[in-house]
Protein backbone atom coordinates (compact mmCIF):
# COMPACT_ATOMS: atom_id res chain seq x y z
CA MET A 1 81.41 129.27 154.93
CA ALA A 2 77.83 128.78 155.96
CA HIS A 3 76.07 130.67 158.70
CA PRO A 4 77.45 129.48 162.07
CA LEU A 5 74.11 127.98 163.04
CA ARG A 6 73.84 126.21 159.72
CA PRO A 7 77.12 124.52 158.79
CA HIS A 8 77.23 122.29 155.75
CA ALA A 9 78.80 118.85 155.62
CA TRP A 10 81.54 120.16 153.33
CA ASP A 11 82.53 123.08 155.58
CA PRO A 12 85.88 122.35 157.22
CA LEU A 13 86.10 121.83 160.95
CA THR A 14 89.36 123.09 162.36
CA LEU A 15 91.25 121.36 165.13
CA ALA A 16 90.45 124.36 167.33
CA GLN A 17 86.73 123.85 166.73
CA LEU A 18 87.02 120.12 167.42
CA HIS A 19 88.87 120.95 170.63
CA ARG A 20 86.22 123.44 171.75
CA LEU A 21 83.49 120.88 171.07
CA LYS A 22 85.41 118.21 172.98
CA LYS A 23 85.86 120.54 175.97
CA TRP A 24 82.16 121.46 175.90
CA HIS A 25 81.13 117.81 175.88
CA GLU A 26 83.54 117.03 178.72
CA SER A 27 82.17 119.87 180.83
CA HIS A 28 78.56 118.74 180.23
CA GLU A 29 79.16 115.00 180.64
CA ARG A 30 77.07 114.75 183.80
CA THR A 31 74.07 116.63 182.45
CA GLN A 32 74.19 115.19 178.92
CA PRO A 33 75.90 111.79 179.07
CA VAL A 34 74.43 110.42 175.83
CA GLU A 35 75.63 113.41 173.85
CA PHE A 36 79.07 113.05 175.45
CA HIS A 37 79.32 109.40 174.42
CA VAL A 38 78.04 110.03 170.92
CA TRP A 39 80.71 112.72 170.46
CA GLU A 40 83.36 110.30 171.76
CA CYS A 41 82.22 107.77 169.15
CA VAL A 42 82.36 110.44 166.43
CA LEU A 43 85.94 111.31 167.39
CA THR A 44 86.92 107.63 167.58
CA VAL A 45 85.60 107.00 164.06
CA TRP A 46 87.41 110.15 162.88
CA VAL A 47 90.74 108.94 164.26
CA MET A 48 90.14 105.46 162.83
CA GLY A 49 89.50 107.04 159.44
CA TRP A 50 92.81 108.91 159.51
CA ILE A 51 94.80 105.97 160.81
CA GLY A 52 93.21 103.47 158.42
CA TRP A 53 94.64 105.02 155.25
CA LEU A 54 98.14 103.60 155.67
CA PRO A 55 97.13 99.97 156.33
CA ALA A 56 94.54 100.15 153.55
CA PHE A 57 97.21 101.32 151.14
CA ALA A 58 99.93 98.98 152.46
CA PHE A 59 97.73 95.89 152.29
CA GLU A 60 96.26 96.90 148.92
CA ALA A 61 92.71 97.07 150.19
CA PRO A 62 91.01 99.68 148.02
CA TRP A 63 87.63 98.60 149.40
CA ALA A 64 88.69 100.29 152.67
CA TYR A 65 89.30 103.72 151.09
CA PRO A 66 85.62 104.78 151.18
CA LEU A 67 85.38 103.65 154.81
CA CYS A 68 88.44 105.72 155.70
CA LEU A 69 86.99 108.72 153.88
CA LEU A 70 83.67 108.31 155.69
CA GLY A 71 85.55 108.14 158.99
CA VAL A 72 87.47 111.33 158.22
CA LEU A 73 84.24 113.13 157.32
CA THR A 74 82.26 111.87 160.33
CA PRO A 75 82.64 115.00 162.53
CA ARG A 76 81.58 117.28 159.67
CA LEU A 77 78.60 115.09 158.83
CA TYR A 78 77.55 114.84 162.48
CA VAL A 79 77.78 118.59 163.08
CA SER A 80 75.85 119.27 159.89
CA TRP A 81 73.15 116.79 160.85
CA ARG A 82 72.86 118.25 164.35
CA ALA A 83 72.66 121.79 162.98
CA ARG A 84 69.83 120.82 160.62
CA ALA A 85 67.99 119.02 163.44
CA HIS A 86 68.44 122.06 165.70
CA GLU A 87 67.14 124.39 163.02
CA ALA A 88 64.10 122.15 162.48
CA GLN A 89 63.59 122.12 166.28
CA ARG A 90 63.85 118.32 166.46
CA LEU A 91 66.92 118.42 168.74
CA ARG A 92 68.42 121.12 170.86
CA CYS A 93 72.09 121.73 170.20
CA ASP A 94 73.69 124.05 172.76
CA TRP A 95 77.20 123.80 171.33
CA LEU A 96 76.57 125.16 167.83
CA ASP A 97 77.72 128.64 168.82
CA LEU A 98 81.21 127.19 169.49
CA LEU A 99 81.71 126.75 165.75
CA SER A 100 81.74 130.47 164.97
């Protein structure tokens, strides 16, 4: 696994890590409302990605498979993007230490 402050998009995020990030965002909702709502959107797309597999398969819609995969990977991609932006000092990311 990558250095905790530099996760890669392919590094797995455990449910415990997702839970810690969710709790952090909930506790900082008043001070960082945009970040809270962005994280809520990330989690919504993640759940939609997992739930979408069955209807996509049942209705024989292979065009939806890449969308479902993208949805499932959204939290990893978002965390990776935020870590890179934090490292480049474009954005401050106070919750990166929760991933270790």
